[in-house]
């Protein structure tokens, strides 16, 4: 699918090729009629000559390969550190030896995959047992009515 500002859709490219190859119109004239550059018109005509109708289809702009991508072994180390220690990108980056931004991209790539737990979905750690401590902070202020009585006693 062409983007919103594209001069030529698949139909427009087919029309361009038809005008040049079948009607014998010069490429520069056909390009001017279509509102594109002569170089762009030559590109579509040469793609049609080498690939046929398939050459006029939209192509992905995604690279075929990325030689500088982080290795799978390093990605596994980052994911293992994240699931074991549940720490952030800065802490993981110093342990694994990759930049924090790289750790961030690795985690973002794997966050929505099955089997990977997000930091917010991990259950909290259990506090160590300390006597009768039940994990709540004691209240420092008296509750409702006692507080209001003290305020009236001063008067």
N, C-alpha and C. Protein backbone atom coordinates (compact mmCIF):
# COMPACT_ATOMS: atom_id res chain seq x y z
N UNK A 1 0.84 -1.18 0.00
CA UNK A 1 0.00 0.00 0.00
C UNK A 1 0.88 1.24 0.00
N UNK A 2 0.62 2.15 -0.88
CA UNK A 2 1.39 3.38 -0.96
C UNK A 2 1.04 4.30 0.20
N UNK A 3 1.99 5.15 0.56
CA UNK A 3 1.70 6.11 1.62
C UNK A 3 0.84 7.23 1.08
N UNK A 4 0.33 8.07 1.97
CA UNK A 4 -0.67 9.07 1.60
C UNK A 4 -0.15 10.11 0.62
N UNK A 5 1.14 10.42 0.65
CA UNK A 5 1.69 11.47 -0.22
C UNK A 5 2.38 10.92 -1.46
N UNK A 6 2.23 9.65 -1.75
CA UNK A 6 2.91 9.05 -2.91
C UNK A 6 2.31 9.57 -4.21
N UNK A 7 3.17 9.91 -5.15
CA UNK A 7 2.71 10.37 -6.45
C UNK A 7 2.11 9.23 -7.26
N UNK A 8 2.72 8.06 -7.15
CA UNK A 8 2.29 6.93 -7.96
C UNK A 8 1.82 5.77 -7.09
N UNK A 9 0.66 5.27 -7.41
CA UNK A 9 0.19 4.02 -6.83
C UNK A 9 0.57 2.91 -7.82
N UNK A 10 0.19 1.69 -7.54
CA UNK A 10 0.48 0.59 -8.46
C UNK A 10 -0.20 0.86 -9.80
N UNK A 11 -1.42 1.38 -9.78
CA UNK A 11 -2.11 1.72 -11.03
C UNK A 11 -1.36 2.80 -11.79
N UNK A 12 -0.90 3.83 -11.09
CA UNK A 12 -0.15 4.90 -11.75
C UNK A 12 1.15 4.41 -12.36
N UNK A 13 1.83 3.50 -11.69
CA UNK A 13 3.07 2.93 -12.25
C UNK A 13 2.77 2.11 -13.50
N UNK A 14 1.67 1.36 -13.44
CA UNK A 14 1.28 0.57 -14.62
C UNK A 14 0.95 1.50 -15.79
N UNK A 15 0.25 2.57 -15.51
CA UNK A 15 -0.08 3.55 -16.54
C UNK A 15 1.18 4.18 -17.12
N UNK A 16 2.14 4.51 -16.28
CA UNK A 16 3.41 5.08 -16.73
C UNK A 16 4.13 4.12 -17.66
N UNK A 17 4.23 2.87 -17.26
CA UNK A 17 4.92 1.86 -18.07
C UNK A 17 4.18 1.66 -19.39
N UNK A 18 2.85 1.64 -19.36
CA UNK A 18 2.06 1.48 -20.59
C UNK A 18 2.32 2.63 -21.56
N UNK A 19 2.36 3.86 -21.04
CA UNK A 19 2.60 5.02 -21.91
C UNK A 19 3.99 4.96 -22.54
N UNK A 20 4.99 4.53 -21.77
CA UNK A 20 6.37 4.52 -22.28
C UNK A 20 6.60 3.35 -23.23
N UNK A 21 6.24 2.15 -22.82
CA UNK A 21 6.59 0.97 -23.60
C UNK A 21 5.61 0.66 -24.73
N UNK A 22 4.31 0.87 -24.51
CA UNK A 22 3.34 0.49 -25.52
C UNK A 22 2.93 1.65 -26.42
N UNK A 23 2.84 2.84 -25.89
CA UNK A 23 2.46 4.00 -26.70
C UNK A 23 3.67 4.70 -27.29
N UNK A 24 4.87 4.37 -26.80
CA UNK A 24 6.09 4.96 -27.35
C UNK A 24 6.36 6.38 -26.89
N UNK A 25 5.73 6.81 -25.83
CA UNK A 25 5.94 8.17 -25.32
C UNK A 25 7.32 8.26 -24.68
N UNK A 26 8.06 9.36 -24.88
CA UNK A 26 9.35 9.52 -24.20
C UNK A 26 9.17 9.52 -22.68
N UNK A 27 10.16 8.98 -21.98
CA UNK A 27 10.07 8.86 -20.54
C UNK A 27 9.92 10.23 -19.89
N UNK A 28 10.63 11.23 -20.37
CA UNK A 28 10.55 12.57 -19.78
C UNK A 28 9.13 13.14 -19.91
N UNK A 29 8.47 12.89 -21.04
CA UNK A 29 7.11 13.41 -21.24
C UNK A 29 6.11 12.68 -20.33
N UNK A 30 6.24 11.36 -20.25
CA UNK A 30 5.35 10.59 -19.38
C UNK A 30 5.56 10.98 -17.92
N UNK A 31 6.80 11.24 -17.54
CA UNK A 31 7.09 11.64 -16.16
C UNK A 31 6.45 12.99 -15.86
N UNK A 32 6.53 13.92 -16.82
CA UNK A 32 5.93 15.24 -16.62
C UNK A 32 4.40 15.12 -16.48
N UNK A 33 3.77 14.26 -17.28
CA UNK A 33 2.33 14.06 -17.17
C UNK A 33 1.93 13.47 -15.82
N UNK A 34 2.78 12.61 -15.28
CA UNK A 34 2.46 11.95 -14.01
C UNK A 34 2.89 12.79 -12.80
N UNK A 35 3.67 13.84 -13.03
CA UNK A 35 4.10 14.70 -11.93
C UNK A 35 5.26 14.12 -11.13
N UNK A 36 6.12 13.36 -11.79
CA UNK A 36 7.28 12.77 -11.12
C UNK A 36 8.54 13.13 -11.90
N UNK A 37 9.68 12.83 -11.32
CA UNK A 37 10.94 13.15 -12.01
C UNK A 37 11.24 12.12 -13.10
N UNK A 38 12.10 12.50 -14.02
CA UNK A 38 12.50 11.61 -15.10
C UNK A 38 13.24 10.39 -14.54
N UNK A 39 14.06 10.60 -13.50
CA UNK A 39 14.79 9.49 -12.89
C UNK A 39 13.84 8.47 -12.27
N UNK A 40 12.80 8.96 -11.60
CA UNK A 40 11.82 8.07 -10.98
C UNK A 40 11.09 7.27 -12.05
N UNK A 41 10.74 7.90 -13.14
CA UNK A 41 10.05 7.20 -14.24
C UNK A 41 10.96 6.12 -14.83
N UNK A 42 12.22 6.45 -15.05
CA UNK A 42 13.17 5.46 -15.57
C UNK A 42 13.30 4.28 -14.60
N UNK A 43 13.29 4.56 -13.31
CA UNK A 43 13.41 3.50 -12.31
C UNK A 43 12.24 2.52 -12.43
N UNK A 44 11.00 3.04 -12.57
CA UNK A 44 9.85 2.15 -12.67
C UNK A 44 9.83 1.37 -13.98
N UNK A 45 10.24 2.02 -15.04
CA UNK A 45 10.27 1.32 -16.34
C UNK A 45 11.31 0.21 -16.31
N UNK A 46 12.49 0.48 -15.73
CA UNK A 46 13.52 -0.56 -15.70
C UNK A 46 13.12 -1.70 -14.76
N UNK A 47 12.42 -1.40 -13.67
CA UNK A 47 11.93 -2.46 -12.79
C UNK A 47 10.90 -3.33 -13.52
N UNK A 48 10.07 -2.69 -14.33
CA UNK A 48 9.08 -3.47 -15.08
C UNK A 48 9.78 -4.37 -16.10
N UNK A 49 10.80 -3.86 -16.74
CA UNK A 49 11.52 -4.66 -17.74
C UNK A 49 12.22 -5.87 -17.11
N UNK A 50 12.75 -5.72 -15.90
CA UNK A 50 13.47 -6.84 -15.27
C UNK A 50 12.55 -7.77 -14.48
N UNK A 51 11.51 -7.22 -13.82
CA UNK A 51 10.69 -8.04 -12.92
C UNK A 51 9.26 -8.23 -13.39
N UNK A 52 8.83 -7.50 -14.41
CA UNK A 52 7.45 -7.61 -14.87
C UNK A 52 6.49 -6.87 -13.95
N UNK A 53 5.24 -7.32 -13.92
CA UNK A 53 4.21 -6.66 -13.09
C UNK A 53 4.58 -6.65 -11.61
N UNK A 54 5.28 -7.69 -11.17
CA UNK A 54 5.66 -7.78 -9.76
C UNK A 54 6.59 -6.63 -9.36
N UNK A 55 7.38 -6.11 -10.30
CA UNK A 55 8.30 -5.02 -10.01
C UNK A 55 7.61 -3.70 -9.72
N UNK A 56 6.32 -3.59 -10.08
CA UNK A 56 5.59 -2.34 -9.84
C UNK A 56 4.88 -2.33 -8.49
N UNK A 57 4.94 -3.43 -7.73
CA UNK A 57 4.30 -3.50 -6.42
C UNK A 57 5.12 -2.73 -5.39
N UNK A 58 4.45 -2.36 -4.30
CA UNK A 58 5.11 -1.68 -3.19
C UNK A 58 6.11 -2.64 -2.54
N UNK A 59 7.22 -2.09 -2.08
CA UNK A 59 8.25 -2.89 -1.43
C UNK A 59 8.43 -2.41 0.00
N UNK A 60 8.86 -3.33 0.85
CA UNK A 60 9.15 -2.98 2.23
C UNK A 60 10.47 -2.22 2.30
N UNK A 61 10.55 -1.26 3.18
CA UNK A 61 11.79 -0.51 3.34
C UNK A 61 12.65 -1.09 4.46
N UNK A 62 12.19 -2.18 5.07
CA UNK A 62 12.93 -2.82 6.16
C UNK A 62 14.22 -3.42 5.59
N UNK A 63 15.33 -3.28 6.28
CA UNK A 63 16.58 -3.85 5.79
C UNK A 63 16.51 -5.38 5.75
N UNK A 64 17.24 -5.98 4.83
CA UNK A 64 17.26 -7.44 4.71
C UNK A 64 18.04 -8.07 5.86
N UNK A 65 19.06 -7.41 6.34
CA UNK A 65 19.84 -7.89 7.48
C UNK A 65 20.45 -6.70 8.20
N UNK A 66 20.89 -6.95 9.44
CA UNK A 66 21.50 -5.90 10.25
C UNK A 66 22.76 -6.47 10.88
N UNK A 67 23.92 -6.24 10.27
CA UNK A 67 25.14 -6.85 10.76
C UNK A 67 25.57 -6.38 12.15
N UNK A 68 25.09 -5.23 12.60
CA UNK A 68 25.52 -4.72 13.90
C UNK A 68 24.52 -5.04 15.02
N UNK A 69 23.55 -5.91 14.75
CA UNK A 69 22.57 -6.26 15.77
C UNK A 69 23.25 -7.03 16.91
N UNK A 70 22.74 -6.82 18.11
CA UNK A 70 23.27 -7.49 19.28
C UNK A 70 23.11 -9.00 19.14
N UNK A 71 24.13 -9.74 19.54
CA UNK A 71 24.10 -11.19 19.37
C UNK A 71 23.01 -11.82 20.24
N UNK A 72 22.57 -13.00 19.83
CA UNK A 72 21.52 -13.71 20.56
C UNK A 72 22.00 -14.09 21.96
N UNK A 73 23.28 -14.38 22.09
CA UNK A 73 23.83 -14.74 23.40
C UNK A 73 23.74 -13.55 24.37
N UNK A 74 24.09 -12.36 23.90
CA UNK A 74 24.01 -11.17 24.73
C UNK A 74 22.56 -10.86 25.09
N UNK A 75 21.65 -11.04 24.13
CA UNK A 75 20.23 -10.81 24.42
C UNK A 75 19.75 -11.76 25.52
N UNK A 76 20.17 -13.01 25.46
CA UNK A 76 19.77 -13.98 26.48
C UNK A 76 20.35 -13.60 27.85
N UNK A 77 21.57 -13.07 27.88
CA UNK A 77 22.15 -12.62 29.15
C UNK A 77 21.34 -11.48 29.74
N UNK A 78 20.92 -10.55 28.89
CA UNK A 78 20.13 -9.41 29.35
C UNK A 78 18.79 -9.89 29.90
N UNK A 79 18.12 -10.78 29.16
CA UNK A 79 16.82 -11.28 29.60
C UNK A 79 16.93 -12.10 30.87
N UNK A 80 18.00 -12.87 30.99
CA UNK A 80 18.22 -13.66 32.20
C UNK A 80 18.46 -12.76 33.40
N UNK A 81 19.27 -11.72 33.21
CA UNK A 81 19.53 -10.77 34.30
C UNK A 81 18.25 -10.05 34.71
N UNK A 82 17.42 -9.71 33.73
CA UNK A 82 16.16 -9.02 34.04
C UNK A 82 15.22 -9.92 34.84
N UNK A 83 15.08 -11.18 34.43
CA UNK A 83 14.15 -12.06 35.12
C UNK A 83 14.69 -12.50 36.48
N UNK A 84 16.01 -12.61 36.62
CA UNK A 84 16.58 -13.05 37.89
C UNK A 84 16.63 -11.92 38.92
N UNK A 85 17.15 -10.77 38.51
CA UNK A 85 17.40 -9.68 39.46
C UNK A 85 16.30 -8.62 39.48
N UNK A 86 15.48 -8.59 38.43
CA UNK A 86 14.40 -7.60 38.32
C UNK A 86 14.91 -6.18 38.53
N UNK A 87 15.96 -5.84 37.85
CA UNK A 87 16.55 -4.51 37.95
C UNK A 87 16.38 -3.79 36.62
N UNK A 88 16.72 -2.51 36.58
CA UNK A 88 16.55 -1.68 35.40
C UNK A 88 17.71 -1.77 34.43
N UNK A 89 17.58 -1.00 33.36
CA UNK A 89 18.55 -1.06 32.27
C UNK A 89 19.94 -0.59 32.69
N UNK A 90 20.05 0.38 33.57
CA UNK A 90 21.36 0.87 33.98
C UNK A 90 22.13 -0.21 34.76
N UNK A 91 21.43 -0.88 35.67
CA UNK A 91 22.07 -1.93 36.46
C UNK A 91 22.47 -3.10 35.57
N UNK A 92 21.57 -3.51 34.68
CA UNK A 92 21.84 -4.65 33.79
C UNK A 92 22.99 -4.32 32.84
N UNK A 93 23.04 -3.09 32.35
CA UNK A 93 24.08 -2.73 31.38
C UNK A 93 25.48 -2.86 31.96
N UNK A 94 25.64 -2.52 33.25
CA UNK A 94 26.97 -2.65 33.86
C UNK A 94 27.34 -4.11 34.07
N UNK A 95 26.36 -4.97 34.33
CA UNK A 95 26.64 -6.40 34.56
C UNK A 95 26.92 -7.15 33.27
N UNK A 96 26.18 -6.82 32.20
CA UNK A 96 26.31 -7.56 30.94
C UNK A 96 27.40 -6.95 30.06
N UNK A 97 27.62 -5.65 30.16
CA UNK A 97 28.66 -4.99 29.38
C UNK A 97 28.19 -4.40 28.06
N UNK A 98 26.91 -4.02 27.99
CA UNK A 98 26.38 -3.34 26.81
C UNK A 98 25.78 -2.02 27.27
N UNK A 99 25.63 -1.05 26.38
CA UNK A 99 25.06 0.24 26.78
C UNK A 99 23.63 0.09 27.29
N UNK A 100 23.23 0.99 28.16
CA UNK A 100 21.89 0.96 28.74
C UNK A 100 20.82 1.08 27.66
N UNK A 101 21.09 1.86 26.64
CA UNK A 101 20.11 2.02 25.55
C UNK A 101 19.91 0.70 24.81
N UNK A 102 20.98 -0.07 24.65
CA UNK A 102 20.87 -1.37 24.01
C UNK A 102 20.04 -2.31 24.87
N UNK A 103 20.25 -2.28 26.18
CA UNK A 103 19.45 -3.10 27.09
C UNK A 103 17.98 -2.71 26.96
N UNK A 104 17.71 -1.43 26.88
CA UNK A 104 16.34 -0.94 26.74
C UNK A 104 15.70 -1.49 25.47
N UNK A 105 16.40 -1.47 24.35
CA UNK A 105 15.85 -1.97 23.09
C UNK A 105 15.63 -3.48 23.14
N UNK A 106 16.54 -4.20 23.78
CA UNK A 106 16.38 -5.66 23.90
C UNK A 106 15.14 -5.97 24.73
N UNK A 107 14.97 -5.28 25.84
CA UNK A 107 13.80 -5.53 26.69
C UNK A 107 12.51 -5.14 25.97
N UNK A 108 12.53 -4.05 25.23
CA UNK A 108 11.34 -3.63 24.49
C UNK A 108 10.98 -4.65 23.41
N UNK A 109 11.99 -5.25 22.79
CA UNK A 109 11.74 -6.25 21.75
C UNK A 109 11.08 -7.49 22.32
N UNK A 110 11.39 -7.82 23.56
CA UNK A 110 10.92 -9.08 24.15
C UNK A 110 9.79 -8.92 25.16
N UNK A 111 9.35 -7.69 25.43
CA UNK A 111 8.35 -7.48 26.47
C UNK A 111 7.02 -8.16 26.18
N UNK A 112 6.56 -8.14 24.96
CA UNK A 112 5.24 -8.66 24.64
C UNK A 112 5.26 -10.10 24.17
N UNK A 113 6.38 -10.77 24.30
CA UNK A 113 6.45 -12.16 23.87
C UNK A 113 5.99 -13.08 25.00
N UNK A 114 5.38 -14.22 24.66
CA UNK A 114 4.94 -15.14 25.70
C UNK A 114 6.13 -15.67 26.50
N UNK A 115 5.94 -15.81 27.79
CA UNK A 115 6.98 -16.34 28.64
C UNK A 115 7.87 -15.29 29.26
N UNK A 116 7.79 -14.05 28.80
CA UNK A 116 8.61 -13.00 29.39
C UNK A 116 7.73 -12.17 30.31
N UNK A 117 8.16 -11.99 31.53
CA UNK A 117 7.37 -11.29 32.53
C UNK A 117 7.85 -9.87 32.65
N UNK A 118 6.94 -8.93 32.57
CA UNK A 118 7.27 -7.52 32.75
C UNK A 118 7.57 -7.26 34.21
N UNK A 119 8.33 -6.24 34.47
CA UNK A 119 8.68 -5.91 35.85
C UNK A 119 7.47 -5.60 36.70
N UNK A 120 6.45 -4.97 36.13
CA UNK A 120 5.26 -4.61 36.89
C UNK A 120 4.38 -5.82 37.18
N UNK A 121 4.58 -6.94 36.47
CA UNK A 121 3.75 -8.12 36.67
C UNK A 121 4.39 -9.13 37.62
N UNK A 122 5.61 -8.88 38.05
CA UNK A 122 6.29 -9.79 38.96
C UNK A 122 5.75 -9.57 40.36
N UNK A 123 5.40 -10.63 41.07
CA UNK A 123 4.89 -10.43 42.43
C UNK A 123 5.96 -9.82 43.33
N UNK A 124 5.57 -9.00 44.30
CA UNK A 124 6.57 -8.35 45.16
C UNK A 124 7.30 -9.37 46.02
N UNK A 125 8.51 -9.02 46.40
CA UNK A 125 9.30 -9.91 47.27
C UNK A 125 8.68 -9.95 48.65
N UNK A 126 8.82 -11.09 49.32
CA UNK A 126 8.30 -11.23 50.67
C UNK A 126 9.27 -10.59 51.66
N UNK A 127 8.73 -9.81 52.58
CA UNK A 127 9.55 -9.17 53.60
C UNK A 127 9.97 -10.24 54.61
N UNK A 128 11.18 -10.13 55.16
CA UNK A 128 11.59 -11.12 56.17
C UNK A 128 10.73 -11.00 57.42
N UNK A 129 10.48 -12.14 58.06
CA UNK A 129 9.64 -12.15 59.26
C UNK A 129 10.40 -11.49 60.41
N UNK A 130 9.77 -10.51 61.05
CA UNK A 130 10.38 -9.80 62.18
C UNK A 130 9.37 -9.73 63.31
N UNK A 131 9.39 -10.66 64.17
CA UNK A 131 8.50 -10.64 65.33
C UNK A 131 7.04 -10.61 64.91
N UNK A 132 6.31 -9.63 65.40
CA UNK A 132 4.88 -9.54 65.10
C UNK A 132 4.60 -8.54 63.98
N UNK A 133 5.61 -8.12 63.30
CA UNK A 133 5.44 -7.13 62.23
C UNK A 133 4.62 -7.73 61.11
N UNK A 134 3.53 -7.09 60.75
CA UNK A 134 2.68 -7.64 59.69
C UNK A 134 2.86 -6.91 58.36
N UNK A 135 3.87 -6.07 58.24
CA UNK A 135 4.14 -5.41 56.97
C UNK A 135 3.50 -4.05 56.82
N UNK A 136 2.69 -3.61 57.79
CA UNK A 136 2.06 -2.30 57.69
C UNK A 136 2.76 -1.31 58.60
N UNK A 137 2.74 -0.04 58.21
CA UNK A 137 3.29 1.00 59.07
C UNK A 137 2.30 1.31 60.18
N UNK A 138 2.77 1.52 61.40
CA UNK A 138 1.84 1.90 62.47
C UNK A 138 1.32 3.31 62.23
N UNK A 139 0.09 3.55 62.62
CA UNK A 139 -0.49 4.88 62.44
C UNK A 139 0.17 5.85 63.42
N UNK A 140 0.50 7.03 62.97
CA UNK A 140 1.15 8.01 63.83
C UNK A 140 0.15 8.99 64.42
N UNK A 141 -1.03 9.09 63.83
CA UNK A 141 -2.06 10.01 64.33
C UNK A 141 -3.22 9.20 64.88
N UNK A 142 -3.84 9.70 65.92
CA UNK A 142 -5.04 9.01 66.42
C UNK A 142 -6.16 9.11 65.40
N UNK A 143 -7.06 8.16 65.45
CA UNK A 143 -8.15 8.15 64.49
C UNK A 143 -9.19 9.19 64.82
N UNK A 144 -10.08 9.47 63.91
CA UNK A 144 -11.12 10.50 63.89
C UNK A 144 -11.57 11.14 65.17
N UNK A 145 -12.47 10.55 65.97
CA UNK A 145 -13.07 11.26 67.12
C UNK A 145 -12.07 11.68 68.18
N UNK A 146 -11.04 10.89 68.47
CA UNK A 146 -10.07 11.26 69.50
C UNK A 146 -9.33 12.52 69.10
N UNK A 147 -9.04 12.69 67.88
CA UNK A 147 -8.33 13.88 67.42
C UNK A 147 -9.22 15.10 67.55
N UNK A 148 -10.49 14.98 67.19
CA UNK A 148 -11.38 16.12 67.25
C UNK A 148 -11.62 16.55 68.70
N UNK A 149 -11.64 15.63 69.70
CA UNK A 149 -11.84 15.98 71.10
C UNK A 149 -10.67 16.80 71.63
N UNK A 150 -9.46 16.41 71.24
CA UNK A 150 -8.29 17.15 71.72
C UNK A 150 -8.33 18.58 71.21
N UNK A 151 -8.76 18.77 70.00
CA UNK A 151 -8.78 20.11 69.45
C UNK A 151 -9.75 20.99 70.23
N UNK A 152 -10.86 20.43 70.74
CA UNK A 152 -11.85 21.21 71.48
C UNK A 152 -11.45 21.41 72.94
N UNK A 153 -10.60 20.55 73.48
CA UNK A 153 -10.22 20.67 74.89
C UNK A 153 -9.32 21.87 75.15
N UNK A 154 -8.61 22.37 74.15
CA UNK A 154 -7.68 23.47 74.34
C UNK A 154 -8.42 24.77 74.65
N UNK A 155 -9.65 24.94 74.26
CA UNK A 155 -10.40 26.17 74.35
C UNK A 155 -11.00 26.44 75.63
